[in-house]
């Protein structure tokens, strides 16, 4: 599971975005999501390095998932509501 969105980077277009960290700090009511962008799913599967990374730090008011229901599907659904992810498609 990943998000498909073409983003121009200094190293070429990143089109395949995979969450590599998603977690919730329940004591401080914050969440972090870290995404790696690859040239393609094939590049990721071949062990190529990501072309870009995006890291988000969110407050409890911003997130739509909890420590009890944090799944990749919920993380990707949330990211698609952000302006930077407008037009992203899910790769299931």
C-alpha atoms as a PDB file:
ATOM      1  CA  UNK A   1       0.000   0.000   0.000  1.00  0.00           C
ATOM      2  CA  UNK A   2       1.278   3.457  -0.948  1.00  0.00           C
ATOM      3  CA  UNK A   3       0.218   6.780  -2.414  1.00  0.00           C
ATOM      4  CA  UNK A   4       0.786   7.685  -6.031  1.00  0.00           C
ATOM      5  CA  UNK A   5       1.583  11.347  -6.661  1.00  0.00           C
ATOM      6  CA  UNK A   6       4.211  12.857  -8.938  1.00  0.00           C
ATOM      7  CA  UNK A   7       6.471  15.278  -7.075  1.00  0.00           C
ATOM      8  CA  UNK A   8       9.436  16.932  -8.746  1.00  0.00           C
ATOM      9  CA  UNK A   9      12.637  16.512  -6.708  1.00  0.00           C
ATOM     10  CA  UNK A  10      16.259  17.496  -7.413  1.00  0.00           C
ATOM     11  CA  UNK A  11      16.865  13.806  -8.231  1.00  0.00           C
ATOM     12  CA  UNK A  12      13.926  13.252 -10.581  1.00  0.00           C
ATOM     13  CA  UNK A  13      10.207  12.670 -10.171  1.00  0.00           C
ATOM     14  CA  UNK A  14       9.088  10.743  -7.097  1.00  0.00           C
ATOM     15  CA  UNK A  15       5.817   9.010  -7.957  1.00  0.00           C
ATOM     16  CA  UNK A  16       5.498   6.222  -5.353  1.00  0.00           C
ATOM     17  CA  UNK A  17       5.167   7.343  -1.717  1.00  0.00           C
ATOM     18  CA  UNK A  18       5.422   4.849   1.108  1.00  0.00           C
ATOM     19  CA  UNK A  19       4.966   5.520   4.834  1.00  0.00           C
ATOM     20  CA  UNK A  20       8.005   4.286   6.719  1.00  0.00           C
ATOM     21  CA  UNK A  21       7.059   5.646  10.145  1.00  0.00           C
ATOM     22  CA  UNK A  22       3.614   6.384  11.553  1.00  0.00           C
ATOM     23  CA  UNK A  23       3.136   6.691  15.263  1.00  0.00           C
ATOM     24  CA  UNK A  24       1.211   8.379  18.007  1.00  0.00           C
ATOM     25  CA  UNK A  25       2.601   9.783  21.235  1.00  0.00           C
ATOM     26  CA  UNK A  26      -0.434   9.316  23.461  1.00  0.00           C
ATOM     27  CA  UNK A  27       1.107  11.149  26.394  1.00  0.00           C
ATOM     28  CA  UNK A  28       1.548  14.351  24.372  1.00  0.00           C
ATOM     29  CA  UNK A  29      -1.328  13.861  21.890  1.00  0.00           C
ATOM     30  CA  UNK A  30       0.815  14.204  18.790  1.00  0.00           C
ATOM     31  CA  UNK A  31       1.409  11.993  15.777  1.00  0.00           C
ATOM     32  CA  UNK A  32       4.260  11.688  13.307  1.00  0.00           C
ATOM     33  CA  UNK A  33       4.110  10.393   9.781  1.00  0.00           C
ATOM     34  CA  UNK A  34       7.216   9.995   7.625  1.00  0.00           C
ATOM     35  CA  UNK A  35       6.992   9.237   3.924  1.00  0.00           C
ATOM     36  CA  UNK A  36       9.646   8.197   1.410  1.00  0.00           C
ATOM     37  CA  UNK A  37       9.135   9.031  -2.259  1.00  0.00           C
ATOM     38  CA  UNK A  38      10.545   6.689  -4.894  1.00  0.00           C
ATOM     39  CA  UNK A  39      10.753   6.908  -8.664  1.00  0.00           C
ATOM     40  CA  UNK A  40       8.329   3.965  -8.835  1.00  0.00           C
ATOM     41  CA  UNK A  41       7.114   0.894  -6.980  1.00  0.00           C
ATOM     42  CA  UNK A  42       9.641  -1.092  -8.996  1.00  0.00           C
ATOM     43  CA  UNK A  43      12.472   1.147  -7.772  1.00  0.00           C
ATOM     44  CA  UNK A  44      11.346   0.725  -4.157  1.00  0.00           C
ATOM     45  CA  UNK A  45      11.038  -3.046  -4.526  1.00  0.00           C
ATOM     46  CA  UNK A  46      14.514  -3.164  -6.092  1.00  0.00           C
ATOM     47  CA  UNK A  47      15.955  -1.514  -2.969  1.00  0.00           C
ATOM     48  CA  UNK A  48      16.699   1.830  -4.597  1.00  0.00           C
ATOM     49  CA  UNK A  49      17.101   4.843  -2.304  1.00  0.00           C
ATOM     50  CA  UNK A  50      14.170   7.212  -1.963  1.00  0.00           C
ATOM     51  CA  UNK A  51      14.368  10.417  -3.967  1.00  0.00           C
ATOM     52  CA  UNK A  52      12.676  12.489  -1.255  1.00  0.00           C
ATOM     53  CA  UNK A  53      11.199  12.328   2.224  1.00  0.00           C
ATOM     54  CA  UNK A  54       8.335  14.188   3.856  1.00  0.00           C
ATOM     55  CA  UNK A  55       7.808  14.269   7.610  1.00  0.00           C
ATOM     56  CA  UNK A  56       4.642  15.494   9.296  1.00  0.00           C
ATOM     57  CA  UNK A  57       4.144  16.267  12.977  1.00  0.00           C
ATOM     58  CA  UNK A  58       0.479  16.595  13.849  1.00  0.00           C
ATOM     59  CA  UNK A  59      -1.512  17.553  16.904  1.00  0.00           C
ATOM     60  CA  UNK A  60      -4.417  15.502  18.210  1.00  0.00           C
ATOM     61  CA  UNK A  61      -6.824  18.030  16.697  1.00  0.00           C
ATOM     62  CA  UNK A  62      -5.359  17.417  13.228  1.00  0.00           C
ATOM     63  CA  UNK A  63      -5.430  13.638  13.100  1.00  0.00           C
ATOM     64  CA  UNK A  64      -8.330  11.358  12.289  1.00  0.00           C
ATOM     65  CA  UNK A  65      -6.915   8.182  13.807  1.00  0.00           C
ATOM     66  CA  UNK A  66      -5.947   7.041  17.287  1.00  0.00           C
ATOM     67  CA  UNK A  67      -3.410   4.688  18.816  1.00  0.00           C
ATOM     68  CA  UNK A  68      -6.133   2.036  18.601  1.00  0.00           C
ATOM     69  CA  UNK A  69      -6.883   2.388  14.898  1.00  0.00           C
ATOM     70  CA  UNK A  70      -3.645   3.602  13.322  1.00  0.00           C
ATOM     71  CA  UNK A  71      -3.329   1.651  10.091  1.00  0.00           C
ATOM     72  CA  UNK A  72      -1.664   2.455   6.800  1.00  0.00           C
ATOM     73  CA  UNK A  73      -5.092   2.881   5.240  1.00  0.00           C
ATOM     74  CA  UNK A  74      -6.050   5.477   7.885  1.00  0.00           C
ATOM     75  CA  UNK A  75      -2.708   7.279   7.542  1.00  0.00           C
ATOM     76  CA  UNK A  76      -2.993   7.467   3.748  1.00  0.00           C
ATOM     77  CA  UNK A  77      -6.636   8.550   3.927  1.00  0.00           C
ATOM     78  CA  UNK A  78      -5.608  11.364   6.258  1.00  0.00           C
ATOM     79  CA  UNK A  79      -2.658  12.464   4.098  1.00  0.00           C
ATOM     80  CA  UNK A  80      -4.919  12.744   1.051  1.00  0.00           C
ATOM     81  CA  UNK A  81      -6.844  15.501   2.890  1.00  0.00           C
ATOM     82  CA  UNK A  82      -3.723  17.711   3.017  1.00  0.00           C
ATOM     83  CA  UNK A  83      -3.139  20.264   0.236  1.00  0.00           C
ATOM     84  CA  UNK A  84       0.310  18.804  -0.606  1.00  0.00           C
ATOM     85  CA  UNK A  85      -1.332  15.443  -1.317  1.00  0.00           C
ATOM     86  CA  UNK A  86      -4.199  16.769  -3.444  1.00  0.00           C
ATOM     87  CA  UNK A  87      -4.757  14.405  -6.354  1.00  0.00           C
ATOM     88  CA  UNK A  88      -2.898  11.481  -4.754  1.00  0.00           C
ATOM     89  CA  UNK A  89      -4.254   8.035  -5.534  1.00  0.00           C
ATOM     90  CA  UNK A  90      -4.042   4.949  -3.352  1.00  0.00           C
ATOM     91  CA  UNK A  91      -1.961   2.048  -4.607  1.00  0.00           C
ATOM     92  CA  UNK A  92      -3.467  -0.968  -2.901  1.00  0.00           C
END
